[in-house]
């Protein structure tokens, strides 16, 4: 599977966004006639945001722990709940979060895909768009599934050991510093450039075939670009709505703003500063 190619796209995908220039958000044709699709995406974003807000509110602010921090209820089992049910609940919450956090950034990719299909002569866009979106969010959900076991394990260790619990703020600060430094590396900036390109993936671009794999490719491109920011959400407050809003703004800005490198570095500097501040209080 070729992912994030810059050459050999096929005529349809190469044409997407040429009026905006490489790396700039497409305008004009990519949005023309896409009112219903944008409306559906807006509805999904609203449902994700509302569902996340309700879930976070119903779960409370967390359990106070030794060391002056609060452990999110996302890492705990409810009374009488088994681990499979707890993991399923976490993944449901995570998917709602991803709808709210990633749709503002990924809608440009999906619009570009639909434009490429339209230019290739495909008339029925609903099914391939649905499959591509499903593949994209399947990748984001898989990341949550991989993150849950170590998060739940660390939560169990913190609840069973006061000494370990007191180390959590220092560990969190260290992770924040590392995530912020990654944000400023050349590797991160190159991944961001790929995500902002006119055609980050060639799979299924020309005729609607392999739409699911095209969405998976888009999801992997996004995940490589934002994994460090998702890690910040996981360690600093997986159910913290304020943090979620800030990270959503950061992801959207570095994907859509005209100066992505400056945005990425600024976000990285803020995260590093937050990590240093947390370490100084540990």
C-alpha atoms as a PDB file:
ATOM      1  CA  UNK A   1       0.000   0.000   0.000  1.00  0.00           C
ATOM      2  CA  UNK A   2       1.401   3.348  -1.024  1.00  0.00           C
ATOM      3  CA  UNK A   3       0.651   6.062   1.455  1.00  0.00           C
ATOM      4  CA  UNK A   4       1.371   9.775   1.302  1.00  0.00           C
ATOM      5  CA  UNK A   5       2.871   9.726  -2.191  1.00  0.00           C
ATOM      6  CA  UNK A   6       3.800  12.979  -3.916  1.00  0.00           C
ATOM      7  CA  UNK A   7       4.026  11.575  -7.433  1.00  0.00           C
ATOM      8  CA  UNK A   8       2.033   9.278  -9.693  1.00  0.00           C
ATOM      9  CA  UNK A   9      -1.298  10.419  -8.346  1.00  0.00           C
ATOM     10  CA  UNK A  10      -3.492  10.058 -11.372  1.00  0.00           C
ATOM     11  CA  UNK A  11      -5.056  12.925 -13.237  1.00  0.00           C
ATOM     12  CA  UNK A  12      -8.119  13.333 -11.034  1.00  0.00           C
ATOM     13  CA  UNK A  13      -6.312  13.724  -7.736  1.00  0.00           C
ATOM     14  CA  UNK A  14      -3.518  15.848  -9.134  1.00  0.00           C
ATOM     15  CA  UNK A  15      -6.041  18.481 -10.137  1.00  0.00           C
ATOM     16  CA  UNK A  16      -7.411  18.977  -6.627  1.00  0.00           C
ATOM     17  CA  UNK A  17      -6.553  22.314  -5.080  1.00  0.00           C
ATOM     18  CA  UNK A  18      -4.251  23.556  -7.823  1.00  0.00           C
ATOM     19  CA  UNK A  19      -5.757  26.993  -7.502  1.00  0.00           C
ATOM     20  CA  UNK A  20      -4.586  27.202  -3.908  1.00  0.00           C
ATOM     21  CA  UNK A  21      -1.089  25.889  -4.501  1.00  0.00           C
ATOM     22  CA  UNK A  22       0.673  22.952  -2.941  1.00  0.00           C
ATOM     23  CA  UNK A  23       0.261  22.726   0.796  1.00  0.00           C
ATOM     24  CA  UNK A  24      -2.448  25.377   0.954  1.00  0.00           C
ATOM     25  CA  UNK A  25      -6.053  24.635   1.730  1.00  0.00           C
ATOM     26  CA  UNK A  26      -8.042  24.209  -1.438  1.00  0.00           C
ATOM     27  CA  UNK A  27     -10.652  26.793  -2.283  1.00  0.00           C
ATOM     28  CA  UNK A  28     -13.229  27.265  -4.969  1.00  0.00           C
ATOM     29  CA  UNK A  29     -13.894  24.033  -6.902  1.00  0.00           C
ATOM     30  CA  UNK A  30     -13.212  21.650  -3.993  1.00  0.00           C
ATOM     31  CA  UNK A  31     -16.027  23.274  -2.001  1.00  0.00           C
ATOM     32  CA  UNK A  32     -18.393  23.962  -4.894  1.00  0.00           C
ATOM     33  CA  UNK A  33     -21.605  21.971  -4.652  1.00  0.00           C
ATOM     34  CA  UNK A  34     -20.550  20.319  -1.387  1.00  0.00           C
ATOM     35  CA  UNK A  35     -23.139  21.935   0.858  1.00  0.00           C
ATOM     36  CA  UNK A  36     -24.913  18.663   1.794  1.00  0.00           C
ATOM     37  CA  UNK A  37     -21.618  16.886   2.505  1.00  0.00           C
ATOM     38  CA  UNK A  38     -20.345  19.758   4.649  1.00  0.00           C
ATOM     39  CA  UNK A  39     -23.684  19.807   6.472  1.00  0.00           C
ATOM     40  CA  UNK A  40     -23.371  16.091   7.299  1.00  0.00           C
ATOM     41  CA  UNK A  41     -19.809  16.607   8.555  1.00  0.00           C
ATOM     42  CA  UNK A  42     -20.971  19.552  10.657  1.00  0.00           C
ATOM     43  CA  UNK A  43     -23.714  17.408  12.168  1.00  0.00           C
ATOM     44  CA  UNK A  44     -21.246  14.629  12.989  1.00  0.00           C
ATOM     45  CA  UNK A  45     -18.905  17.172  14.562  1.00  0.00           C
ATOM     46  CA  UNK A  46     -21.750  18.543  16.680  1.00  0.00           C
ATOM     47  CA  UNK A  47     -22.806  15.045  17.742  1.00  0.00           C
ATOM     48  CA  UNK A  48     -19.218  14.167  18.640  1.00  0.00           C
ATOM     49  CA  UNK A  49     -18.723  17.365  20.622  1.00  0.00           C
ATOM     50  CA  UNK A  50     -22.061  17.081  22.428  1.00  0.00           C
ATOM     51  CA  UNK A  51     -21.562  13.375  23.177  1.00  0.00           C
ATOM     52  CA  UNK A  52     -18.060  13.979  24.489  1.00  0.00           C
ATOM     53  CA  UNK A  53     -19.212  16.856  26.680  1.00  0.00           C
ATOM     54  CA  UNK A  54     -22.025  14.758  28.111  1.00  0.00           C
ATOM     55  CA  UNK A  55     -19.765  11.767  28.710  1.00  0.00           C
ATOM     56  CA  UNK A  56     -17.064  13.819  30.385  1.00  0.00           C
ATOM     57  CA  UNK A  57     -19.618  15.610  32.536  1.00  0.00           C
ATOM     58  CA  UNK A  58     -21.273  12.383  33.636  1.00  0.00           C
ATOM     59  CA  UNK A  59     -17.929  10.810  34.569  1.00  0.00           C
ATOM     60  CA  UNK A  60     -16.899  13.643  36.865  1.00  0.00           C
ATOM     61  CA  UNK A  61     -13.545  15.381  37.220  1.00  0.00           C
ATOM     62  CA  UNK A  62     -11.565  12.324  38.289  1.00  0.00           C
ATOM     63  CA  UNK A  63     -10.316  10.692  41.464  1.00  0.00           C
ATOM     64  CA  UNK A  64      -7.902  12.728  43.658  1.00  0.00           C
ATOM     65  CA  UNK A  65      -4.582  10.902  43.930  1.00  0.00           C
ATOM     66  CA  UNK A  66      -1.437  11.232  46.070  1.00  0.00           C
ATOM     67  CA  UNK A  67       0.841  13.814  44.504  1.00  0.00           C
ATOM     68  CA  UNK A  68      -1.881  16.382  43.901  1.00  0.00           C
ATOM     69  CA  UNK A  69      -3.367  15.109  40.658  1.00  0.00           C
ATOM     70  CA  UNK A  70      -6.663  13.530  39.632  1.00  0.00           C
ATOM     71  CA  UNK A  71      -6.898  10.274  37.674  1.00  0.00           C
ATOM     72  CA  UNK A  72      -9.467  10.245  34.906  1.00  0.00           C
ATOM     73  CA  UNK A  73     -12.379   7.883  35.320  1.00  0.00           C
ATOM     74  CA  UNK A  74     -11.665   6.729  31.756  1.00  0.00           C
ATOM     75  CA  UNK A  75      -8.900   4.500  33.121  1.00  0.00           C
ATOM     76  CA  UNK A  76     -11.104   2.874  35.775  1.00  0.00           C
ATOM     77  CA  UNK A  77     -13.755   0.192  35.719  1.00  0.00           C
ATOM     78  CA  UNK A  78     -17.211   0.982  36.959  1.00  0.00           C
ATOM     79  CA  UNK A  79     -18.569  -1.167  39.847  1.00  0.00           C
ATOM     80  CA  UNK A  80     -19.319  -4.643  38.533  1.00  0.00           C
ATOM     81  CA  UNK A  81     -17.815  -3.865  35.126  1.00  0.00           C
ATOM     82  CA  UNK A  82     -15.341  -6.220  33.446  1.00  0.00           C
ATOM     83  CA  UNK A  83     -12.303  -5.070  31.496  1.00  0.00           C
ATOM     84  CA  UNK A  84     -13.845  -5.824  28.040  1.00  0.00           C
ATOM     85  CA  UNK A  85     -16.853  -3.640  28.865  1.00  0.00           C
ATOM     86  CA  UNK A  86     -14.583  -0.904  30.236  1.00  0.00           C
ATOM     87  CA  UNK A  87     -12.465  -0.993  27.073  1.00  0.00           C
ATOM     88  CA  UNK A  88     -15.566  -0.836  24.873  1.00  0.00           C
ATOM     89  CA  UNK A  89     -16.836   2.182  26.817  1.00  0.00           C
ATOM     90  CA  UNK A  90     -13.467   3.903  26.438  1.00  0.00           C
ATOM     91  CA  UNK A  91     -13.428   3.272  22.684  1.00  0.00           C
ATOM     92  CA  UNK A  92     -16.941   4.668  22.326  1.00  0.00           C
ATOM     93  CA  UNK A  93     -15.854   7.809  24.130  1.00  0.00           C
ATOM     94  CA  UNK A  94     -12.644   7.980  22.095  1.00  0.00           C
ATOM     95  CA  UNK A  95     -14.530   7.760  18.780  1.00  0.00           C
ATOM     96  CA  UNK A  96     -16.792  10.630  19.824  1.00  0.00           C
ATOM     97  CA  UNK A  97     -13.695  12.630  20.758  1.00  0.00           C
ATOM     98  CA  UNK A  98     -12.080  11.922  17.391  1.00  0.00           C
ATOM     99  CA  UNK A  99     -15.189  13.076  15.534  1.00  0.00           C
ATOM    100  CA  UNK A 100     -15.030  16.359  17.423  1.00  0.00           C
ATOM    101  CA  UNK A 101     -11.254  16.804  17.258  1.00  0.00           C
ATOM    102  CA  UNK A 102     -10.348  15.562  13.774  1.00  0.00           C
ATOM    103  CA  UNK A 103     -13.286  16.453  11.513  1.00  0.00           C
ATOM    104  CA  UNK A 104     -12.344  20.154  11.278  1.00  0.00           C
ATOM    105  CA  UNK A 105      -8.898  19.139  10.040  1.00  0.00           C
ATOM    106  CA  UNK A 106      -9.744  16.141   7.846  1.00  0.00           C
ATOM    107  CA  UNK A 107     -12.744  17.585   6.004  1.00  0.00           C
ATOM    108  CA  UNK A 108     -10.363  19.204   3.496  1.00  0.00           C
ATOM    109  CA  UNK A 109      -8.906  15.774   2.675  1.00  0.00           C
ATOM    110  CA  UNK A 110     -12.341  14.260   2.185  1.00  0.00           C
ATOM    111  CA  UNK A 111     -13.465  17.162   0.011  1.00  0.00           C
ATOM    112  CA  UNK A 112     -10.374  16.722  -2.128  1.00  0.00           C
ATOM    113  CA  UNK A 113     -11.164  13.020  -2.483  1.00  0.00           C
ATOM    114  CA  UNK A 114     -14.723  13.760  -3.561  1.00  0.00           C
ATOM    115  CA  UNK A 115     -13.474  16.324  -6.063  1.00  0.00           C
ATOM    116  CA  UNK A 116     -11.089  13.773  -7.549  1.00  0.00           C
ATOM    117  CA  UNK A 117     -13.910  11.238  -7.873  1.00  0.00           C
ATOM    118  CA  UNK A 118     -16.127  13.815  -9.514  1.00  0.00           C
ATOM    119  CA  UNK A 119     -13.430  14.736 -12.012  1.00  0.00           C
ATOM    120  CA  UNK A 120     -12.925  11.066 -12.874  1.00  0.00           C
ATOM    121  CA  UNK A 121     -16.597  10.763 -13.811  1.00  0.00           C
ATOM    122  CA  UNK A 122     -17.917   9.095 -10.666  1.00  0.00           C
ATOM    123  CA  UNK A 123     -21.469  10.270 -10.063  1.00  0.00           C
ATOM    124  CA  UNK A 124     -22.471   8.510  -6.857  1.00  0.00           C
ATOM    125  CA  UNK A 125     -20.159   9.870  -4.194  1.00  0.00           C
ATOM    126  CA  UNK A 126     -22.032   8.940  -1.022  1.00  0.00           C
ATOM    127  CA  UNK A 127     -20.801   5.337  -0.722  1.00  0.00           C
ATOM    128  CA  UNK A 128     -17.083   5.991  -1.395  1.00  0.00           C
ATOM    129  CA  UNK A 129     -17.185   9.062   0.850  1.00  0.00           C
ATOM    130  CA  UNK A 130     -18.738   7.012   3.648  1.00  0.00           C
ATOM    131  CA  UNK A 131     -16.160   4.252   3.210  1.00  0.00           C
ATOM    132  CA  UNK A 132     -13.255   6.694   3.103  1.00  0.00           C
ATOM    133  CA  UNK A 133     -14.498   8.438   6.247  1.00  0.00           C
ATOM    134  CA  UNK A 134     -14.984   5.070   7.922  1.00  0.00           C
ATOM    135  CA  UNK A 135     -11.427   4.027   7.091  1.00  0.00           C
ATOM    136  CA  UNK A 136     -10.096   7.320   8.414  1.00  0.00           C
ATOM    137  CA  UNK A 137     -11.834   7.051  11.767  1.00  0.00           C
ATOM    138  CA  UNK A 138     -11.065   3.335  12.018  1.00  0.00           C
ATOM    139  CA  UNK A 139      -7.397   4.317  12.241  1.00  0.00           C
ATOM    140  CA  UNK A 140      -8.132   6.871  14.960  1.00  0.00           C
ATOM    141  CA  UNK A 141     -10.180   4.299  16.882  1.00  0.00           C
ATOM    142  CA  UNK A 142      -7.392   1.723  16.552  1.00  0.00           C
ATOM    143  CA  UNK A 143      -4.982   4.205  18.112  1.00  0.00           C
ATOM    144  CA  UNK A 144      -7.346   4.535  21.075  1.00  0.00           C
ATOM    145  CA  UNK A 145      -7.556   0.745  21.340  1.00  0.00           C
ATOM    146  CA  UNK A 146      -3.759   0.536  21.511  1.00  0.00           C
ATOM    147  CA  UNK A 147      -3.574   3.335  24.083  1.00  0.00           C
ATOM    148  CA  UNK A 148      -6.149   1.903  26.474  1.00  0.00           C
ATOM    149  CA  UNK A 149      -4.259  -1.150  27.891  1.00  0.00           C
ATOM    150  CA  UNK A 150      -1.132   0.761  29.008  1.00  0.00           C
ATOM    151  CA  UNK A 151      -3.285   3.619  30.315  1.00  0.00           C
ATOM    152  CA  UNK A 152      -5.468   1.253  32.331  1.00  0.00           C
ATOM    153  CA  UNK A 153      -2.386  -0.583  33.600  1.00  0.00           C
ATOM    154  CA  UNK A 154      -0.743   2.633  34.788  1.00  0.00           C
ATOM    155  CA  UNK A 155      -4.016   3.654  36.415  1.00  0.00           C
ATOM    156  CA  UNK A 156      -4.207   0.349  38.290  1.00  0.00           C
ATOM    157  CA  UNK A 157      -0.591   0.690  39.420  1.00  0.00           C
ATOM    158  CA  UNK A 158      -1.215   4.240  40.644  1.00  0.00           C
ATOM    159  CA  UNK A 159      -4.264   3.125  42.612  1.00  0.00           C
ATOM    160  CA  UNK A 160      -2.316   0.278  44.187  1.00  0.00           C
ATOM    161  CA  UNK A 161       0.857   2.149  45.078  1.00  0.00           C
ATOM    162  CA  UNK A 162       1.018   5.572  46.712  1.00  0.00           C
ATOM    163  CA  UNK A 163       4.709   5.862  45.835  1.00  0.00           C
ATOM    164  CA  UNK A 164       4.024   5.225  42.154  1.00  0.00           C
ATOM    165  CA  UNK A 165       1.073   7.627  42.210  1.00  0.00           C
ATOM    166  CA  UNK A 166       3.337  10.420  43.442  1.00  0.00           C
ATOM    167  CA  UNK A 167       5.589   9.876  40.431  1.00  0.00           C
ATOM    168  CA  UNK A 168       2.787  10.368  37.896  1.00  0.00           C
ATOM    169  CA  UNK A 169       3.011  14.203  37.663  1.00  0.00           C
ATOM    170  CA  UNK A 170       6.752  13.972  36.960  1.00  0.00           C
ATOM    171  CA  UNK A 171       6.172  11.273  34.336  1.00  0.00           C
ATOM    172  CA  UNK A 172       3.426  13.354  32.771  1.00  0.00           C
ATOM    173  CA  UNK A 173       5.660  16.417  32.623  1.00  0.00           C
ATOM    174  CA  UNK A 174       8.403  14.379  30.959  1.00  0.00           C
ATOM    175  CA  UNK A 175       5.988  13.055  28.334  1.00  0.00           C
ATOM    176  CA  UNK A 176       4.744  16.577  27.641  1.00  0.00           C
ATOM    177  CA  UNK A 177       8.281  17.838  27.101  1.00  0.00           C
ATOM    178  CA  UNK A 178       9.060  14.990  24.705  1.00  0.00           C
ATOM    179  CA  UNK A 179       5.782  15.488  22.815  1.00  0.00           C
ATOM    180  CA  UNK A 180       6.476  19.210  22.508  1.00  0.00           C
ATOM    181  CA  UNK A 181      10.002  18.606  21.219  1.00  0.00           C
ATOM    182  CA  UNK A 182       8.677  16.170  18.604  1.00  0.00           C
ATOM    183  CA  UNK A 183       6.322  18.942  17.485  1.00  0.00           C
ATOM    184  CA  UNK A 184       9.331  21.035  16.481  1.00  0.00           C
ATOM    185  CA  UNK A 185      11.344  18.357  14.655  1.00  0.00           C
ATOM    186  CA  UNK A 186      11.897  18.188  10.925  1.00  0.00           C
ATOM    187  CA  UNK A 187      10.121  14.825  10.879  1.00  0.00           C
ATOM    188  CA  UNK A 188       6.939  16.349  12.310  1.00  0.00           C
ATOM    189  CA  UNK A 189       7.088  19.237   9.873  1.00  0.00           C
ATOM    190  CA  UNK A 190       7.542  16.866   6.927  1.00  0.00           C
ATOM    191  CA  UNK A 191       4.522  14.839   8.037  1.00  0.00           C
ATOM    192  CA  UNK A 192       2.526  18.044   8.328  1.00  0.00           C
ATOM    193  CA  UNK A 193       3.531  19.033   4.801  1.00  0.00           C
ATOM    194  CA  UNK A 194       2.290  15.681   3.514  1.00  0.00           C
ATOM    195  CA  UNK A 195      -1.023  16.055   5.306  1.00  0.00           C
ATOM    196  CA  UNK A 196      -1.488  19.503   3.785  1.00  0.00           C
ATOM    197  CA  UNK A 197      -0.534  18.412   0.270  1.00  0.00           C
ATOM    198  CA  UNK A 198      -3.018  18.435  -2.590  1.00  0.00           C
ATOM    199  CA  UNK A 199      -3.128  14.625  -2.671  1.00  0.00           C
ATOM    200  CA  UNK A 200      -1.715  12.897   0.429  1.00  0.00           C
ATOM    201  CA  UNK A 201      -2.885   9.477  -0.809  1.00  0.00           C
ATOM    202  CA  UNK A 202      -3.320   7.972  -4.263  1.00  0.00           C
ATOM    203  CA  UNK A 203      -5.225   4.833  -3.248  1.00  0.00           C
ATOM    204  CA  UNK A 204      -8.675   4.706  -4.795  1.00  0.00           C
ATOM    205  CA  UNK A 205      -8.447   8.310  -5.926  1.00  0.00           C
ATOM    206  CA  UNK A 206      -9.288   7.802  -9.565  1.00  0.00           C
ATOM    207  CA  UNK A 207     -12.431   5.674  -9.625  1.00  0.00           C
ATOM    208  CA  UNK A 208     -13.757   5.186  -6.092  1.00  0.00           C
ATOM    209  CA  UNK A 209     -12.382   1.670  -5.756  1.00  0.00           C
ATOM    210  CA  UNK A 210     -10.587   0.875  -2.526  1.00  0.00           C
ATOM    211  CA  UNK A 211     -12.287   3.842  -0.867  1.00  0.00           C
ATOM    212  CA  UNK A 212     -11.882   2.225   2.560  1.00  0.00           C
ATOM    213  CA  UNK A 213      -8.127   1.824   2.065  1.00  0.00           C
ATOM    214  CA  UNK A 214      -7.926   5.391   0.807  1.00  0.00           C
ATOM    215  CA  UNK A 215      -9.515   6.505   4.080  1.00  0.00           C
ATOM    216  CA  UNK A 216      -7.118   4.299   6.041  1.00  0.00           C
ATOM    217  CA  UNK A 217      -4.226   5.931   4.199  1.00  0.00           C
ATOM    218  CA  UNK A 218      -5.551   9.396   5.070  1.00  0.00           C
ATOM    219  CA  UNK A 219      -5.976   8.287   8.674  1.00  0.00           C
ATOM    220  CA  UNK A 220      -2.406   7.015   8.871  1.00  0.00           C
ATOM    221  CA  UNK A 221      -1.110  10.293   7.433  1.00  0.00           C
ATOM    222  CA  UNK A 222      -3.047  12.201  10.094  1.00  0.00           C
ATOM    223  CA  UNK A 223      -1.983   9.843  12.865  1.00  0.00           C
ATOM    224  CA  UNK A 224       1.702  10.244  12.095  1.00  0.00           C
ATOM    225  CA  UNK A 225       1.203  13.998  12.136  1.00  0.00           C
ATOM    226  CA  UNK A 226      -0.841  14.203  15.346  1.00  0.00           C
ATOM    227  CA  UNK A 227       0.183  11.181  17.462  1.00  0.00           C
ATOM    228  CA  UNK A 228       2.268  13.355  19.786  1.00  0.00           C
ATOM    229  CA  UNK A 229      -0.703  15.686  20.343  1.00  0.00           C
ATOM    230  CA  UNK A 230      -3.002  12.728  20.999  1.00  0.00           C
ATOM    231  CA  UNK A 231      -0.448  11.539  23.556  1.00  0.00           C
ATOM    232  CA  UNK A 232      -0.730  14.918  25.281  1.00  0.00           C
ATOM    233  CA  UNK A 233      -4.498  14.419  25.500  1.00  0.00           C
ATOM    234  CA  UNK A 234      -4.067  10.924  26.929  1.00  0.00           C
ATOM    235  CA  UNK A 235      -1.547  11.757  29.638  1.00  0.00           C
ATOM    236  CA  UNK A 236      -2.619  15.280  30.586  1.00  0.00           C
ATOM    237  CA  UNK A 237      -6.371  14.734  30.752  1.00  0.00           C
ATOM    238  CA  UNK A 238      -8.153  12.348  28.422  1.00  0.00           C
ATOM    239  CA  UNK A 239     -11.525  13.721  29.567  1.00  0.00           C
ATOM    240  CA  UNK A 240     -10.477  17.344  30.006  1.00  0.00           C
ATOM    241  CA  UNK A 241     -12.745  19.362  27.706  1.00  0.00           C
ATOM    242  CA  UNK A 242     -10.607  22.496  27.879  1.00  0.00           C
ATOM    243  CA  UNK A 243      -7.494  20.598  26.835  1.00  0.00           C
ATOM    244  CA  UNK A 244      -9.465  18.878  24.092  1.00  0.00           C
ATOM    245  CA  UNK A 245     -10.638  22.232  22.734  1.00  0.00           C
ATOM    246  CA  UNK A 246      -7.090  23.628  22.737  1.00  0.00           C
ATOM    247  CA  UNK A 247      -5.690  20.586  20.945  1.00  0.00           C
ATOM    248  CA  UNK A 248      -8.510  20.680  18.390  1.00  0.00           C
ATOM    249  CA  UNK A 249      -7.650  24.299  17.690  1.00  0.00           C
ATOM    250  CA  UNK A 250      -3.943  23.444  17.407  1.00  0.00           C
ATOM    251  CA  UNK A 251      -4.522  20.515  15.025  1.00  0.00           C
ATOM    252  CA  UNK A 252      -6.888  22.533  12.844  1.00  0.00           C
ATOM    253  CA  UNK A 253      -4.586  25.566  12.782  1.00  0.00           C
ATOM    254  CA  UNK A 254      -1.468  23.659  11.764  1.00  0.00           C
ATOM    255  CA  UNK A 255      -3.477  21.874   9.067  1.00  0.00           C
ATOM    256  CA  UNK A 256      -5.337  24.882   7.640  1.00  0.00           C
ATOM    257  CA  UNK A 257      -3.427  28.048   8.607  1.00  0.00           C
ATOM    258  CA  UNK A 258      -1.183  29.702   5.989  1.00  0.00           C
ATOM    259  CA  UNK A 259       1.956  29.375   8.178  1.00  0.00           C
ATOM    260  CA  UNK A 260       1.886  25.737   9.405  1.00  0.00           C
ATOM    261  CA  UNK A 261       5.511  25.518  10.507  1.00  0.00           C
ATOM    262  CA  UNK A 262       5.193  28.563  12.747  1.00  0.00           C
ATOM    263  CA  UNK A 263       1.972  27.191  14.222  1.00  0.00           C
ATOM    264  CA  UNK A 264       3.533  23.765  14.859  1.00  0.00           C
ATOM    265  CA  UNK A 265       6.572  25.250  16.567  1.00  0.00           C
ATOM    266  CA  UNK A 266       4.457  27.573  18.692  1.00  0.00           C
ATOM    267  CA  UNK A 267       2.283  24.655  19.809  1.00  0.00           C
ATOM    268  CA  UNK A 268       5.403  22.642  20.600  1.00  0.00           C
ATOM    269  CA  UNK A 269       6.880  25.469  22.655  1.00  0.00           C
ATOM    270  CA  UNK A 270       3.662  25.794  24.677  1.00  0.00           C
ATOM    271  CA  UNK A 271       3.585  22.042  25.368  1.00  0.00           C
ATOM    272  CA  UNK A 272       7.245  22.015  26.438  1.00  0.00           C
ATOM    273  CA  UNK A 273       6.607  24.973  28.754  1.00  0.00           C
ATOM    274  CA  UNK A 274       3.628  23.165  30.280  1.00  0.00           C
ATOM    275  CA  UNK A 275       5.775  20.067  30.838  1.00  0.00           C
ATOM    276  CA  UNK A 276       8.541  22.083  32.504  1.00  0.00           C
ATOM    277  CA  UNK A 277       5.998  23.810  34.742  1.00  0.00           C
ATOM    278  CA  UNK A 278       4.548  20.454  35.759  1.00  0.00           C
ATOM    279  CA  UNK A 279       7.995  19.031  36.510  1.00  0.00           C
ATOM    280  CA  UNK A 280       8.884  22.041  38.629  1.00  0.00           C
ATOM    281  CA  UNK A 281       5.839  21.432  40.832  1.00  0.00           C
ATOM    282  CA  UNK A 282       6.452  17.661  41.184  1.00  0.00           C
END
